[in-house]
Amino acid sequence: MGLRGATTCDENSAAEIQQKVQELFGALLDRNGVTDDDLVSVIVTTTDDLDAIYPASAVRALGFDDVPLLGAREAEVVGGLPRCVRILVHCYSDRSRAEVQHVYLGDARSLRTDLPA
């Protein structure tokens, strides 16, 4: 299963990026009933204006030492959402795709207006 989410940071600081990544990652796991053992891998991307820390290190700091993590840069697109972090969680789940709850926080809610807040 794939769980998608995004959030935005107010500033380009290590503390802010870590806090926002951890908040988003926690919400994705909580809303979908995912446990540590369900995780397969996690991809975290940031826009070019967030370079204070590796965003995947924020997930690692939560104790996920045995989960493969990958950080990457989001494509720079004219008019794209600034200071944005996106996460894709690969996990095992008994939920159908229709039951999965993707999470969009902060200004990233504008990316998926079709989803509940």
C-alpha atoms as a PDB file:
ATOM      1  CA  MET A   1       0.000   0.000   0.000  1.00  0.00           C
ATOM      2  CA  GLY A   2       1.121   3.573  -0.556  1.00  0.00           C
ATOM      3  CA  LEU A   3       0.244   6.424   1.799  1.00  0.00           C
ATOM      4  CA  ARG A   4       0.732   9.971   0.536  1.00  0.00           C
ATOM      5  CA  GLY A   5       1.008  13.187   2.430  1.00  0.00           C
ATOM      6  CA  ALA A   6       2.409  16.689   2.321  1.00  0.00           C
ATOM      7  CA  THR A   7       2.933  19.655   4.563  1.00  0.00           C
ATOM      8  CA  THR A   8       4.589  23.040   4.445  1.00  0.00           C
ATOM      9  CA  CYS A   9       7.212  24.689   6.620  1.00  0.00           C
ATOM     10  CA  ASP A  10       7.118  28.276   7.796  1.00  0.00           C
ATOM     11  CA  GLU A  11      10.894  28.605   7.549  1.00  0.00           C
ATOM     12  CA  ASN A  12      13.991  26.792   6.338  1.00  0.00           C
ATOM     13  CA  SER A  13      15.392  25.656   9.677  1.00  0.00           C
ATOM     14  CA  ALA A  14      16.408  22.205  10.884  1.00  0.00           C
ATOM     15  CA  ALA A  15      14.012  22.388  13.838  1.00  0.00           C
ATOM     16  CA  GLU A  16      11.053  23.431  11.677  1.00  0.00           C
ATOM     17  CA  ILE A  17      11.636  20.797   9.001  1.00  0.00           C
ATOM     18  CA  GLN A  18      12.104  18.059  11.590  1.00  0.00           C
ATOM     19  CA  GLN A  19       8.947  19.036  13.465  1.00  0.00           C
ATOM     20  CA  LYS A  20       6.800  19.198  10.311  1.00  0.00           C
ATOM     21  CA  VAL A  21       8.122  15.913   8.885  1.00  0.00           C
ATOM     22  CA  GLN A  22       7.556  14.115  12.181  1.00  0.00           C
ATOM     23  CA  GLU A  23       4.047  15.571  12.521  1.00  0.00           C
ATOM     24  CA  LEU A  24       3.107  14.473   8.996  1.00  0.00           C
ATOM     25  CA  PHE A  25       4.684  11.020   9.302  1.00  0.00           C
ATOM     26  CA  GLY A  26       2.960  10.426  12.640  1.00  0.00           C
ATOM     27  CA  ALA A  27      -0.409  11.472  11.217  1.00  0.00           C
ATOM     28  CA  LEU A  28      -0.016   9.118   8.239  1.00  0.00           C
ATOM     29  CA  LEU A  29       0.720   6.167  10.525  1.00  0.00           C
ATOM     30  CA  ASP A  30      -1.972   7.024  13.087  1.00  0.00           C
ATOM     31  CA  ARG A  31      -4.794   7.661  10.620  1.00  0.00           C
ATOM     32  CA  ASN A  32      -4.069   4.434   8.778  1.00  0.00           C
ATOM     33  CA  GLY A  33      -3.329   2.153  11.718  1.00  0.00           C
ATOM     34  CA  VAL A  34       0.197   1.445  10.490  1.00  0.00           C
ATOM     35  CA  THR A  35       2.688  -0.017  12.978  1.00  0.00           C
ATOM     36  CA  ASP A  36       6.479  -0.180  12.794  1.00  0.00           C
ATOM     37  CA  ASP A  37       6.365  -3.748  11.485  1.00  0.00           C
ATOM     38  CA  ASP A  38       4.012  -2.728   8.645  1.00  0.00           C
ATOM     39  CA  LEU A  39       6.545  -0.294   7.146  1.00  0.00           C
ATOM     40  CA  VAL A  40       8.400  -1.274   3.983  1.00  0.00           C
ATOM     41  CA  SER A  41      10.089   2.019   2.998  1.00  0.00           C
ATOM     42  CA  VAL A  42       9.606   5.790   3.089  1.00  0.00           C
ATOM     43  CA  ILE A  43      10.414   8.459   0.505  1.00  0.00           C
ATOM     44  CA  VAL A  44      10.561  12.088   1.636  1.00  0.00           C
ATOM     45  CA  THR A  45      10.922  14.954  -0.833  1.00  0.00           C
ATOM     46  CA  THR A  46      11.397  18.670  -0.317  1.00  0.00           C
ATOM     47  CA  THR A  47      11.250  21.703  -2.528  1.00  0.00           C
ATOM     48  CA  ASP A  48      14.571  23.440  -3.287  1.00  0.00           C
ATOM     49  CA  ASP A  49      13.961  26.113  -0.625  1.00  0.00           C
ATOM     50  CA  LEU A  50      14.199  23.548   2.228  1.00  0.00           C
ATOM     51  CA  ASP A  51      17.822  22.547   2.634  1.00  0.00           C
ATOM     52  CA  ALA A  52      18.581  22.955   6.355  1.00  0.00           C
ATOM     53  CA  ILE A  53      18.530  19.171   7.021  1.00  0.00           C
ATOM     54  CA  TYR A  54      17.935  15.914   5.227  1.00  0.00           C
ATOM     55  CA  PRO A  55      14.182  15.402   5.716  1.00  0.00           C
ATOM     56  CA  ALA A  56      14.501  11.615   6.002  1.00  0.00           C
ATOM     57  CA  SER A  57      16.672  12.156   9.082  1.00  0.00           C
ATOM     58  CA  ALA A  58      13.542  13.441  10.861  1.00  0.00           C
ATOM     59  CA  VAL A  59      11.905  10.040  10.335  1.00  0.00           C
ATOM     60  CA  ARG A  60      15.073   8.262  11.437  1.00  0.00           C
ATOM     61  CA  ALA A  61      15.111  10.396  14.624  1.00  0.00           C
ATOM     62  CA  LEU A  62      11.764   8.820  15.569  1.00  0.00           C
ATOM     63  CA  GLY A  63      13.551   5.477  15.910  1.00  0.00           C
ATOM     64  CA  PHE A  64      12.943   3.956  12.493  1.00  0.00           C
ATOM     65  CA  ASP A  65      16.510   2.693  12.119  1.00  0.00           C
ATOM     66  CA  ASP A  66      15.602  -0.470  10.208  1.00  0.00           C
ATOM     67  CA  VAL A  67      13.255   1.109   7.640  1.00  0.00           C
ATOM     68  CA  PRO A  68      14.777   2.067   4.276  1.00  0.00           C
ATOM     69  CA  LEU A  69      14.482   5.846   3.874  1.00  0.00           C
ATOM     70  CA  LEU A  70      15.149   8.003   0.835  1.00  0.00           C
ATOM     71  CA  GLY A  71      15.253  11.773   0.602  1.00  0.00           C
ATOM     72  CA  ALA A  72      14.942  13.562  -2.738  1.00  0.00           C
ATOM     73  CA  ARG A  73      14.278  16.946  -4.297  1.00  0.00           C
ATOM     74  CA  GLU A  74      10.887  17.747  -5.677  1.00  0.00           C
ATOM     75  CA  ALA A  75      10.817  19.000  -9.265  1.00  0.00           C
ATOM     76  CA  GLU A  76      10.975  22.777  -9.414  1.00  0.00           C
ATOM     77  CA  VAL A  77       7.800  23.923 -11.127  1.00  0.00           C
ATOM     78  CA  VAL A  78       6.781  27.504 -11.858  1.00  0.00           C
ATOM     79  CA  GLY A  79       3.996  28.398  -9.443  1.00  0.00           C
ATOM     80  CA  GLY A  80       4.645  25.330  -7.281  1.00  0.00           C
ATOM     81  CA  LEU A  81       3.970  25.341  -3.555  1.00  0.00           C
ATOM     82  CA  PRO A  82       7.011  26.708  -1.675  1.00  0.00           C
ATOM     83  CA  ARG A  83       8.619  25.136   1.420  1.00  0.00           C
ATOM     84  CA  CYS A  84       6.780  21.858   0.807  1.00  0.00           C
ATOM     85  CA  VAL A  85       7.603  18.410   2.159  1.00  0.00           C
ATOM     86  CA  ARG A  86       5.997  15.349   0.599  1.00  0.00           C
ATOM     87  CA  ILE A  87       6.049  11.801   1.979  1.00  0.00           C
ATOM     88  CA  LEU A  88       5.283   8.471   0.349  1.00  0.00           C
ATOM     89  CA  VAL A  89       5.044   5.559   2.797  1.00  0.00           C
ATOM     90  CA  HIS A  90       5.153   2.022   1.434  1.00  0.00           C
ATOM     91  CA  CYS A  91       3.543  -0.363   3.906  1.00  0.00           C
ATOM     92  CA  TYR A  92       1.567  -3.532   4.403  1.00  0.00           C
ATOM     93  CA  SER A  93      -2.128  -2.925   5.084  1.00  0.00           C
ATOM     94  CA  ASP A  94      -5.425  -4.745   5.034  1.00  0.00           C
ATOM     95  CA  ARG A  95      -7.186  -1.531   4.006  1.00  0.00           C
ATOM     96  CA  SER A  96      -8.441  -1.034   0.488  1.00  0.00           C
ATOM     97  CA  ARG A  97      -7.258   1.982  -1.494  1.00  0.00           C
ATOM     98  CA  ALA A  98     -10.640   3.583  -0.845  1.00  0.00           C
ATOM     99  CA  GLU A  99     -10.093   3.243   2.923  1.00  0.00           C
ATOM    100  CA  VAL A 100      -6.618   4.778   3.000  1.00  0.00           C
ATOM    101  CA  GLN A 101      -6.390   8.251   4.496  1.00  0.00           C
ATOM    102  CA  HIS A 102      -3.811  10.454   2.819  1.00  0.00           C
ATOM    103  CA  VAL A 103      -2.767  13.457   4.931  1.00  0.00           C
ATOM    104  CA  TYR A 104      -2.214  17.027   3.752  1.00  0.00           C
ATOM    105  CA  LEU A 105      -1.366  19.636   6.382  1.00  0.00           C
ATOM    106  CA  GLY A 106      -0.681  23.367   6.401  1.00  0.00           C
ATOM    107  CA  ASP A 107      -0.676  25.085   3.021  1.00  0.00           C
ATOM    108  CA  ALA A 108      -0.294  21.656   1.381  1.00  0.00           C
ATOM    109  CA  ARG A 109      -4.039  21.177   1.858  1.00  0.00           C
ATOM    110  CA  SER A 110      -4.358  23.204  -1.348  1.00  0.00           C
ATOM    111  CA  LEU A 111      -2.738  20.298  -3.242  1.00  0.00           C
ATOM    112  CA  ARG A 112      -5.628  17.947  -2.487  1.00  0.00           C
ATOM    113  CA  THR A 113      -8.842  19.887  -1.970  1.00  0.00           C
ATOM    114  CA  ASP A 114     -10.735  16.643  -2.642  1.00  0.00           C
ATOM    115  CA  LEU A 115      -9.596  15.180   0.696  1.00  0.00           C
ATOM    116  CA  PRO A 116     -10.971  15.997   4.161  1.00  0.00           C
ATOM    117  CA  ALA A 117      -8.665  18.060   6.397  1.00  0.00           C
END
